[in-house]
Amino acid sequence: MAESYLSSRGQATVQYTEISGRVLRLPRPSREVVMFLARVWQFVQTQTGSVESARALVFGPQNPLMARHPTLPGAYPDASTVRDPAYWICVDLVLRAEARAAGASLEAAGSPFTTTMAEAARKLNRLQSSILNAVEKRALHAWVHEGRQYLLPAEVAAYKIPRRGRSPKNKRE
């Protein structure tokens, strides 16, 4: 599922490669989270687990990453859940189950991603670092092939560059 290693500070870190090729790092994950991820990994790898069952497990109350409502049953992803790399591992495991169920290969899944980071930067009139930042924040989706990231052309064309700073007080027309 993932490889574990010790960081330069001697702390255990888990590294996981998503279906898209993106590498996620979990610094010091709790035992509960590691056990849950291993359980989901095992479930997704078995041919008997359906996609619906995988979704129910990942987005259900058994997931220790999910927030709990004080009075309602169930669980939901909140802002801190979505910032946790372990959440994205869970999402990736569901994507793997969906790809397996659809009989899709990695090559077929990555084929629509044809725009390079440099091309996206030119089209959006931005630096490549700002495009990479959008990918890191998951505002744009990327697929890694042979160490290079590729984007969806339609997604790049529709991407709205976020406004920075305060809006002007006086709008002159």
N, C-alpha and C. Protein backbone atom coordinates (compact mmCIF):
# COMPACT_ATOMS: atom_id res chain seq x y z
N MET A 1 0.83 -1.19 0.00
CA MET A 1 0.00 0.00 0.00
C MET A 1 0.86 1.24 0.00
N ALA A 2 1.66 1.41 0.99
CA ALA A 2 2.49 2.60 1.13
C ALA A 2 3.82 2.17 1.68
N GLU A 3 4.79 3.03 1.55
CA GLU A 3 6.08 2.71 2.14
C GLU A 3 6.32 3.63 3.32
N SER A 4 6.92 3.09 4.34
CA SER A 4 7.23 3.87 5.53
C SER A 4 8.73 4.15 5.54
N TYR A 5 9.10 5.28 6.06
CA TYR A 5 10.51 5.59 6.20
C TYR A 5 10.67 6.57 7.36
N LEU A 6 11.90 6.75 7.80
CA LEU A 6 12.18 7.70 8.87
C LEU A 6 12.63 9.00 8.24
N SER A 7 12.06 10.09 8.72
CA SER A 7 12.46 11.40 8.21
C SER A 7 13.82 11.76 8.78
N SER A 8 14.35 12.89 8.35
CA SER A 8 15.67 13.33 8.83
C SER A 8 15.66 13.58 10.34
N ARG A 9 14.47 13.79 10.90
CA ARG A 9 14.36 14.02 12.34
C ARG A 9 14.08 12.72 13.11
N GLY A 10 14.10 11.58 12.41
CA GLY A 10 13.90 10.30 13.06
C GLY A 10 12.45 9.96 13.32
N GLN A 11 11.51 10.69 12.69
CA GLN A 11 10.10 10.44 12.89
C GLN A 11 9.57 9.56 11.75
N ALA A 12 8.67 8.65 12.09
CA ALA A 12 8.10 7.76 11.08
C ALA A 12 7.20 8.55 10.15
N THR A 13 7.35 8.32 8.85
CA THR A 13 6.54 8.97 7.83
C THR A 13 6.04 7.91 6.87
N VAL A 14 4.80 8.05 6.42
CA VAL A 14 4.24 7.14 5.43
C VAL A 14 4.17 7.88 4.11
N GLN A 15 4.61 7.23 3.04
CA GLN A 15 4.57 7.81 1.70
C GLN A 15 3.66 6.94 0.84
N TYR A 16 2.78 7.57 0.08
CA TYR A 16 1.81 6.85 -0.74
C TYR A 16 1.76 7.50 -2.11
N THR A 17 1.70 6.68 -3.16
CA THR A 17 1.59 7.20 -4.53
C THR A 17 0.17 6.99 -5.02
N GLU A 18 -0.49 8.11 -5.35
CA GLU A 18 -1.86 8.07 -5.86
C GLU A 18 -1.90 7.44 -7.24
N ILE A 19 -3.10 7.09 -7.68
CA ILE A 19 -3.31 6.50 -9.00
C ILE A 19 -2.81 7.46 -10.09
N SER A 20 -2.86 8.75 -9.83
CA SER A 20 -2.40 9.76 -10.80
C SER A 20 -0.89 9.91 -10.82
N GLY A 21 -0.19 9.28 -9.88
CA GLY A 21 1.26 9.40 -9.80
C GLY A 21 1.73 10.41 -8.77
N ARG A 22 0.83 11.17 -8.20
CA ARG A 22 1.17 12.16 -7.20
C ARG A 22 1.58 11.44 -5.91
N VAL A 23 2.62 11.92 -5.25
CA VAL A 23 3.11 11.31 -4.02
C VAL A 23 2.62 12.11 -2.82
N LEU A 24 2.00 11.41 -1.89
CA LEU A 24 1.52 12.03 -0.65
C LEU A 24 2.38 11.54 0.50
N ARG A 25 2.65 12.42 1.46
CA ARG A 25 3.43 12.06 2.64
C ARG A 25 2.60 12.36 3.89
N LEU A 26 2.56 11.38 4.77
CA LEU A 26 1.85 11.54 6.03
C LEU A 26 2.87 11.54 7.16
N PRO A 27 3.17 12.70 7.70
CA PRO A 27 4.11 12.73 8.83
C PRO A 27 3.41 12.26 10.10
N ARG A 28 4.00 11.29 10.75
CA ARG A 28 3.52 10.76 12.04
C ARG A 28 2.02 10.45 12.07
N PRO A 29 1.52 9.58 11.19
CA PRO A 29 0.10 9.24 11.26
C PRO A 29 -0.19 8.43 12.52
N SER A 30 -1.38 8.59 13.05
CA SER A 30 -1.76 7.84 14.25
C SER A 30 -1.94 6.36 13.90
N ARG A 31 -1.82 5.53 14.88
CA ARG A 31 -2.01 4.08 14.67
C ARG A 31 -3.41 3.79 14.14
N GLU A 32 -4.39 4.52 14.66
CA GLU A 32 -5.78 4.34 14.23
C GLU A 32 -5.94 4.63 12.73
N VAL A 33 -5.31 5.69 12.26
CA VAL A 33 -5.39 6.06 10.85
C VAL A 33 -4.66 5.03 9.99
N VAL A 34 -3.48 4.61 10.42
CA VAL A 34 -2.72 3.61 9.66
C VAL A 34 -3.51 2.31 9.55
N MET A 35 -4.13 1.89 10.65
CA MET A 35 -4.92 0.65 10.64
C MET A 35 -6.13 0.79 9.71
N PHE A 36 -6.78 1.95 9.73
CA PHE A 36 -7.94 2.15 8.86
C PHE A 36 -7.52 2.14 7.39
N LEU A 37 -6.42 2.82 7.06
CA LEU A 37 -5.94 2.84 5.68
C LEU A 37 -5.59 1.43 5.21
N ALA A 38 -4.96 0.64 6.08
CA ALA A 38 -4.63 -0.74 5.72
C ALA A 38 -5.90 -1.56 5.48
N ARG A 39 -6.91 -1.31 6.28
CA ARG A 39 -8.18 -2.02 6.12
C ARG A 39 -8.84 -1.66 4.78
N VAL A 40 -8.85 -0.38 4.44
CA VAL A 40 -9.44 0.06 3.17
C VAL A 40 -8.63 -0.51 2.01
N TRP A 41 -7.30 -0.46 2.11
CA TRP A 41 -6.43 -1.00 1.06
C TRP A 41 -6.76 -2.47 0.82
N GLN A 42 -6.85 -3.24 1.90
CA GLN A 42 -7.16 -4.66 1.79
C GLN A 42 -8.54 -4.87 1.16
N PHE A 43 -9.50 -4.07 1.56
CA PHE A 43 -10.86 -4.18 1.03
C PHE A 43 -10.88 -3.90 -0.48
N VAL A 44 -10.18 -2.86 -0.89
CA VAL A 44 -10.16 -2.47 -2.31
C VAL A 44 -9.43 -3.51 -3.15
N GLN A 45 -8.42 -4.15 -2.59
CA GLN A 45 -7.65 -5.14 -3.34
C GLN A 45 -8.41 -6.45 -3.56
N THR A 46 -9.39 -6.75 -2.72
CA THR A 46 -10.16 -7.98 -2.91
C THR A 46 -11.15 -7.77 -4.05
N GLN A 47 -11.36 -8.78 -4.82
CA GLN A 47 -12.27 -8.68 -5.96
C GLN A 47 -13.73 -8.69 -5.51
N THR A 48 -13.99 -9.05 -4.24
CA THR A 48 -15.37 -9.15 -3.77
C THR A 48 -15.94 -7.81 -3.31
N GLY A 49 -15.07 -6.86 -2.98
CA GLY A 49 -15.55 -5.56 -2.49
C GLY A 49 -16.09 -4.70 -3.62
N SER A 50 -17.34 -4.26 -3.51
CA SER A 50 -17.92 -3.41 -4.54
C SER A 50 -17.49 -1.96 -4.34
N VAL A 51 -17.66 -1.17 -5.38
CA VAL A 51 -17.31 0.26 -5.32
C VAL A 51 -18.19 0.95 -4.28
N GLU A 52 -19.47 0.61 -4.25
CA GLU A 52 -20.39 1.23 -3.29
C GLU A 52 -19.97 0.92 -1.85
N SER A 53 -19.53 -0.32 -1.63
CA SER A 53 -19.08 -0.71 -0.29
C SER A 53 -17.79 0.03 0.08
N ALA A 54 -16.91 0.22 -0.90
CA ALA A 54 -15.67 0.96 -0.64
C ALA A 54 -15.99 2.40 -0.27
N ARG A 55 -16.92 3.02 -1.01
CA ARG A 55 -17.34 4.40 -0.69
C ARG A 55 -17.95 4.48 0.70
N ALA A 56 -18.80 3.51 1.03
CA ALA A 56 -19.46 3.50 2.34
C ALA A 56 -18.43 3.37 3.46
N LEU A 57 -17.41 2.57 3.24
CA LEU A 57 -16.37 2.41 4.26
C LEU A 57 -15.54 3.69 4.40
N VAL A 58 -15.10 4.23 3.27
CA VAL A 58 -14.23 5.42 3.29
C VAL A 58 -14.95 6.66 3.81
N PHE A 59 -16.19 6.86 3.41
CA PHE A 59 -16.90 8.08 3.80
C PHE A 59 -17.89 7.84 4.95
N GLY A 60 -17.75 6.72 5.60
CA GLY A 60 -18.67 6.37 6.68
C GLY A 60 -18.11 6.67 8.07
N PRO A 61 -18.89 6.34 9.08
CA PRO A 61 -18.51 6.66 10.47
C PRO A 61 -17.33 5.85 10.99
N GLN A 62 -16.92 4.79 10.29
CA GLN A 62 -15.77 4.01 10.73
C GLN A 62 -14.45 4.72 10.43
N ASN A 63 -14.47 5.69 9.53
CA ASN A 63 -13.26 6.43 9.16
C ASN A 63 -12.90 7.40 10.28
N PRO A 64 -11.73 7.23 10.91
CA PRO A 64 -11.34 8.11 12.02
C PRO A 64 -11.02 9.54 11.59
N LEU A 65 -10.89 9.78 10.29
CA LEU A 65 -10.60 11.13 9.81
C LEU A 65 -11.84 12.01 9.73
N MET A 66 -12.98 11.39 9.62
CA MET A 66 -14.22 12.13 9.41
C MET A 66 -14.68 12.82 10.69
N ALA A 67 -15.36 13.93 10.50
CA ALA A 67 -15.93 14.68 11.62
C ALA A 67 -17.25 14.03 12.01
N ARG A 68 -17.62 14.18 13.24
CA ARG A 68 -18.88 13.63 13.74
C ARG A 68 -19.79 14.77 14.18
N HIS A 69 -21.05 14.67 13.83
CA HIS A 69 -22.02 15.66 14.28
C HIS A 69 -22.38 15.32 15.72
N PRO A 70 -22.58 16.34 16.58
CA PRO A 70 -22.85 16.04 17.98
C PRO A 70 -24.17 15.32 18.23
N THR A 71 -25.15 15.48 17.35
CA THR A 71 -26.44 14.85 17.61
C THR A 71 -26.91 13.90 16.51
N LEU A 72 -26.39 14.06 15.29
CA LEU A 72 -26.81 13.21 14.18
C LEU A 72 -25.85 12.04 13.99
N PRO A 73 -26.35 10.90 13.54
CA PRO A 73 -25.44 9.77 13.29
C PRO A 73 -24.66 10.00 12.00
N GLY A 74 -23.61 9.23 11.83
CA GLY A 74 -22.82 9.33 10.60
C GLY A 74 -21.61 10.21 10.76
N ALA A 75 -20.97 10.46 9.65
CA ALA A 75 -19.75 11.26 9.63
C ALA A 75 -19.69 12.04 8.33
N TYR A 76 -18.84 13.06 8.31
CA TYR A 76 -18.70 13.90 7.12
C TYR A 76 -17.30 14.50 7.10
N PRO A 77 -16.80 14.82 5.90
CA PRO A 77 -15.49 15.47 5.82
C PRO A 77 -15.64 16.97 6.10
N ASP A 78 -14.87 17.46 7.05
CA ASP A 78 -14.87 18.90 7.31
C ASP A 78 -13.56 19.48 6.76
N ALA A 79 -13.30 20.75 7.04
CA ALA A 79 -12.12 21.42 6.48
C ALA A 79 -10.83 20.75 6.92
N SER A 80 -10.73 20.34 8.19
CA SER A 80 -9.49 19.71 8.64
C SER A 80 -9.32 18.32 8.02
N THR A 81 -10.42 17.64 7.76
CA THR A 81 -10.36 16.33 7.11
C THR A 81 -9.77 16.46 5.72
N VAL A 82 -10.25 17.44 4.96
CA VAL A 82 -9.82 17.63 3.58
C VAL A 82 -8.36 18.07 3.50
N ARG A 83 -7.85 18.73 4.53
CA ARG A 83 -6.44 19.13 4.54
C ARG A 83 -5.50 17.97 4.88
N ASP A 84 -6.03 16.88 5.41
CA ASP A 84 -5.22 15.74 5.83
C ASP A 84 -4.89 14.86 4.63
N PRO A 85 -3.60 14.60 4.37
CA PRO A 85 -3.24 13.73 3.24
C PRO A 85 -3.86 12.34 3.33
N ALA A 86 -4.13 11.85 4.52
CA ALA A 86 -4.74 10.52 4.68
C ALA A 86 -6.14 10.49 4.05
N TYR A 87 -6.85 11.61 4.09
CA TYR A 87 -8.17 11.69 3.45
C TYR A 87 -8.03 11.45 1.95
N TRP A 88 -7.01 12.05 1.34
CA TRP A 88 -6.82 11.92 -0.09
C TRP A 88 -6.35 10.51 -0.46
N ILE A 89 -5.69 9.82 0.47
CA ILE A 89 -5.37 8.41 0.24
C ILE A 89 -6.67 7.62 0.19
N CYS A 90 -7.59 7.92 1.09
CA CYS A 90 -8.90 7.24 1.09
C CYS A 90 -9.63 7.49 -0.23
N VAL A 91 -9.64 8.73 -0.68
CA VAL A 91 -10.30 9.08 -1.95
C VAL A 91 -9.63 8.31 -3.10
N ASP A 92 -8.31 8.25 -3.09
CA ASP A 92 -7.58 7.54 -4.13
C ASP A 92 -7.92 6.05 -4.13
N LEU A 93 -8.09 5.47 -2.95
CA LEU A 93 -8.44 4.05 -2.88
C LEU A 93 -9.82 3.79 -3.48
N VAL A 94 -10.74 4.74 -3.29
CA VAL A 94 -12.06 4.62 -3.93
C VAL A 94 -11.91 4.73 -5.45
N LEU A 95 -11.06 5.64 -5.92
CA LEU A 95 -10.81 5.78 -7.35
C LEU A 95 -10.23 4.49 -7.93
N ARG A 96 -9.35 3.85 -7.18
CA ARG A 96 -8.77 2.58 -7.63
C ARG A 96 -9.86 1.50 -7.74
N ALA A 97 -10.78 1.50 -6.77
CA ALA A 97 -11.88 0.53 -6.82
C ALA A 97 -12.77 0.80 -8.04
N GLU A 98 -13.02 2.08 -8.32
CA GLU A 98 -13.83 2.44 -9.48
C GLU A 98 -13.15 2.05 -10.78
N ALA A 99 -11.83 2.28 -10.86
CA ALA A 99 -11.08 1.92 -12.07
C ALA A 99 -11.09 0.40 -12.28
N ARG A 100 -10.90 -0.34 -11.18
CA ARG A 100 -10.93 -1.80 -11.28
C ARG A 100 -12.29 -2.29 -11.75
N ALA A 101 -13.35 -1.72 -11.18
CA ALA A 101 -14.72 -2.13 -11.54
C ALA A 101 -15.03 -1.80 -13.00
N ALA A 102 -14.49 -0.69 -13.49
CA ALA A 102 -14.73 -0.28 -14.88
C ALA A 102 -13.80 -0.98 -15.85
N GLY A 103 -12.80 -1.67 -15.32
CA GLY A 103 -11.82 -2.34 -16.19
C GLY A 103 -10.90 -1.36 -16.89
N ALA A 104 -10.71 -0.17 -16.30
CA ALA A 104 -9.87 0.87 -16.91
C ALA A 104 -8.41 0.65 -16.56
N SER A 105 -7.54 0.86 -17.53
CA SER A 105 -6.10 0.78 -17.29
C SER A 105 -5.58 2.16 -16.90
N LEU A 106 -4.40 2.19 -16.30
CA LEU A 106 -3.81 3.48 -15.93
C LEU A 106 -3.53 4.34 -17.16
N GLU A 107 -3.12 3.70 -18.24
CA GLU A 107 -2.84 4.44 -19.47
C GLU A 107 -4.11 5.11 -20.00
N ALA A 108 -5.22 4.37 -19.97
CA ALA A 108 -6.49 4.93 -20.45
C ALA A 108 -6.97 6.05 -19.54
N ALA A 109 -6.79 5.87 -18.23
CA ALA A 109 -7.24 6.88 -17.28
C ALA A 109 -6.44 8.17 -17.42
N GLY A 110 -5.17 8.06 -17.76
CA GLY A 110 -4.32 9.25 -17.88
C GLY A 110 -4.30 9.88 -19.26
N SER A 111 -4.89 9.24 -20.24
CA SER A 111 -4.81 9.74 -21.61
C SER A 111 -5.45 11.12 -21.84
N PRO A 112 -6.51 11.52 -21.14
CA PRO A 112 -7.06 12.86 -21.39
C PRO A 112 -6.16 14.00 -20.88
N PHE A 113 -5.20 13.69 -20.03
CA PHE A 113 -4.31 14.71 -19.46
C PHE A 113 -3.18 14.96 -20.45
N THR A 114 -3.30 16.04 -21.24
CA THR A 114 -2.33 16.29 -22.32
C THR A 114 -1.63 17.65 -22.23
N THR A 115 -2.10 18.54 -21.39
CA THR A 115 -1.51 19.88 -21.30
C THR A 115 -0.37 19.87 -20.29
N THR A 116 0.80 20.32 -20.70
CA THR A 116 1.94 20.39 -19.78
C THR A 116 1.78 21.60 -18.86
N MET A 117 2.56 21.62 -17.81
CA MET A 117 2.53 22.75 -16.87
C MET A 117 2.94 24.04 -17.59
N ALA A 118 3.95 23.96 -18.45
CA ALA A 118 4.42 25.14 -19.18
C ALA A 118 3.32 25.68 -20.11
N GLU A 119 2.63 24.77 -20.81
CA GLU A 119 1.54 25.20 -21.69
C GLU A 119 0.41 25.85 -20.89
N ALA A 120 0.08 25.27 -19.75
CA ALA A 120 -0.97 25.84 -18.90
C ALA A 120 -0.57 27.23 -18.41
N ALA A 121 0.69 27.38 -18.03
CA ALA A 121 1.17 28.68 -17.56
C ALA A 121 1.07 29.73 -18.67
N ARG A 122 1.43 29.33 -19.90
CA ARG A 122 1.32 30.27 -21.04
C ARG A 122 -0.13 30.63 -21.31
N LYS A 123 -1.00 29.63 -21.33
CA LYS A 123 -2.42 29.88 -21.63
C LYS A 123 -3.07 30.78 -20.59
N LEU A 124 -2.67 30.63 -19.33
CA LEU A 124 -3.26 31.41 -18.24
C LEU A 124 -2.47 32.67 -17.91
N ASN A 125 -1.36 32.87 -18.62
CA ASN A 125 -0.50 34.04 -18.39
C ASN A 125 -0.04 34.11 -16.93
N ARG A 126 0.44 32.97 -16.44
CA ARG A 126 0.92 32.85 -15.07
C ARG A 126 2.26 32.14 -15.06
N LEU A 127 2.93 32.18 -13.92
CA LEU A 127 4.16 31.42 -13.73
C LEU A 127 3.81 29.95 -13.51
N GLN A 128 4.74 29.07 -13.85
CA GLN A 128 4.51 27.64 -13.63
C GLN A 128 4.31 27.34 -12.14
N SER A 129 4.95 28.12 -11.28
CA SER A 129 4.80 27.89 -9.84
C SER A 129 3.36 28.14 -9.39
N SER A 130 2.65 29.08 -10.02
CA SER A 130 1.26 29.31 -9.64
C SER A 130 0.37 28.17 -10.13
N ILE A 131 0.72 27.57 -11.26
CA ILE A 131 -0.03 26.40 -11.75
C ILE A 131 0.22 25.21 -10.83
N LEU A 132 1.46 25.03 -10.44
CA LEU A 132 1.80 23.96 -9.50
C LEU A 132 1.08 24.16 -8.17
N ASN A 133 0.98 25.40 -7.72
CA ASN A 133 0.26 25.72 -6.49
C ASN A 133 -1.22 25.34 -6.62
N ALA A 134 -1.82 25.61 -7.76
CA ALA A 134 -3.22 25.24 -7.99
C ALA A 134 -3.39 23.72 -7.98
N VAL A 135 -2.41 23.01 -8.50
CA VAL A 135 -2.46 21.54 -8.47
C VAL A 135 -2.32 21.05 -7.03
N GLU A 136 -1.39 21.64 -6.29
CA GLU A 136 -1.19 21.24 -4.89
C GLU A 136 -2.44 21.49 -4.05
N LYS A 137 -3.16 22.55 -4.35
CA LYS A 137 -4.39 22.87 -3.61
C LYS A 137 -5.60 22.14 -4.19
N ARG A 138 -5.37 21.33 -5.21
CA ARG A 138 -6.39 20.53 -5.89
C ARG A 138 -7.44 21.38 -6.59
N ALA A 139 -7.06 22.60 -7.00
CA ALA A 139 -7.93 23.43 -7.82
C ALA A 139 -7.85 22.98 -9.27
N LEU A 140 -6.71 22.41 -9.65
CA LEU A 140 -6.51 21.79 -10.96
C LEU A 140 -6.04 20.36 -10.71
N HIS A 141 -6.48 19.45 -11.58
CA HIS A 141 -6.08 18.05 -11.44
C HIS A 141 -4.93 17.74 -12.38
N ALA A 142 -3.97 16.98 -11.89
CA ALA A 142 -2.81 16.63 -12.70
C ALA A 142 -2.61 15.12 -12.70
N TRP A 143 -1.95 14.65 -13.76
CA TRP A 143 -1.59 13.24 -13.89
C TRP A 143 -0.08 13.21 -14.12
N VAL A 144 0.62 12.41 -13.36
CA VAL A 144 2.07 12.33 -13.47
C VAL A 144 2.42 11.18 -14.41
N HIS A 145 3.21 11.50 -15.43
CA HIS A 145 3.68 10.48 -16.38
C HIS A 145 5.16 10.72 -16.62
N GLU A 146 5.96 9.71 -16.33
CA GLU A 146 7.41 9.78 -16.49
C GLU A 146 7.99 11.02 -15.81
N GLY A 147 7.48 11.30 -14.61
CA GLY A 147 8.01 12.40 -13.81
C GLY A 147 7.49 13.78 -14.16
N ARG A 148 6.67 13.91 -15.20
CA ARG A 148 6.12 15.21 -15.59
C ARG A 148 4.63 15.23 -15.31
N GLN A 149 4.13 16.40 -14.95
CA GLN A 149 2.70 16.54 -14.65
C GLN A 149 1.97 17.07 -15.88
N TYR A 150 0.82 16.46 -16.15
CA TYR A 150 -0.03 16.87 -17.26
C TYR A 150 -1.41 17.22 -16.71
N LEU A 151 -2.05 18.21 -17.35
CA LEU A 151 -3.35 18.70 -16.91
C LEU A 151 -4.40 18.42 -17.99
N LEU A 152 -5.66 18.53 -17.58
CA LEU A 152 -6.77 18.39 -18.53
C LEU A 152 -6.93 19.71 -19.30
N PRO A 153 -6.90 19.69 -20.62
CA PRO A 153 -7.02 20.94 -21.40
C PRO A 153 -8.30 21.72 -21.10
N ALA A 154 -9.44 21.04 -20.98
CA ALA A 154 -10.71 21.73 -20.71
C ALA A 154 -10.70 22.36 -19.33
N GLU A 155 -10.07 21.70 -18.38
CA GLU A 155 -10.00 22.24 -17.02
C GLU A 155 -9.12 23.49 -16.98
N VAL A 156 -8.03 23.46 -17.73
CA VAL A 156 -7.15 24.64 -17.80
C VAL A 156 -7.90 25.80 -18.45
N ALA A 157 -8.62 25.53 -19.53
CA ALA A 157 -9.37 26.58 -20.23
C ALA A 157 -10.45 27.20 -19.35
N ALA A 158 -11.05 26.41 -18.49
CA ALA A 158 -12.13 26.90 -17.63
C ALA A 158 -11.64 27.44 -16.29
N TYR A 159 -10.35 27.31 -16.01
CA TYR A 159 -9.82 27.70 -14.71
C TYR A 159 -9.89 29.21 -14.52
N LYS A 160 -10.50 29.61 -13.42
CA LYS A 160 -10.58 31.03 -13.05
C LYS A 160 -9.47 31.33 -12.06
N ILE A 161 -8.62 32.24 -12.41
CA ILE A 161 -7.50 32.59 -11.56
C ILE A 161 -8.02 33.33 -10.34
N PRO A 162 -7.69 32.84 -9.14
CA PRO A 162 -8.21 33.49 -7.94
C PRO A 162 -7.65 34.90 -7.79
N ARG A 163 -8.50 35.78 -7.32
CA ARG A 163 -8.12 37.16 -7.08
C ARG A 163 -7.33 37.24 -5.80
N ARG A 164 -6.29 38.03 -5.79
CA ARG A 164 -5.47 38.18 -4.60
C ARG A 164 -5.66 39.58 -4.02
N GLY A 165 -5.57 39.63 -2.72
CA GLY A 165 -5.67 40.93 -2.06
C GLY A 165 -7.10 41.41 -1.90
N ARG A 166 -7.23 42.61 -1.41
CA ARG A 166 -8.54 43.19 -1.19
C ARG A 166 -9.13 43.73 -2.48
N SER A 167 -10.42 43.74 -2.55
CA SER A 167 -11.05 44.33 -3.73
C SER A 167 -11.00 45.86 -3.57
N PRO A 168 -10.90 46.57 -4.68
CA PRO A 168 -10.82 48.03 -4.59
C PRO A 168 -12.09 48.63 -4.01
N LYS A 169 -11.91 49.69 -3.18
CA LYS A 169 -13.08 50.36 -2.56
C LYS A 169 -13.86 51.16 -3.56
N ASN A 170 -13.14 51.92 -4.36
CA ASN A 170 -13.80 52.79 -5.35
C ASN A 170 -13.65 52.16 -6.72
N LYS A 171 -14.76 51.81 -7.29
CA LYS A 171 -14.71 51.26 -8.65
C LYS A 171 -15.08 52.38 -9.62
N ARG A 172 -14.10 52.80 -10.38
CA ARG A 172 -14.34 53.84 -11.36
C ARG A 172 -14.69 53.21 -12.69
N GLU A 173 -15.65 53.77 -13.33
CA GLU A 173 -16.06 53.22 -14.63
C GLU A 173 -15.90 54.22 -15.72
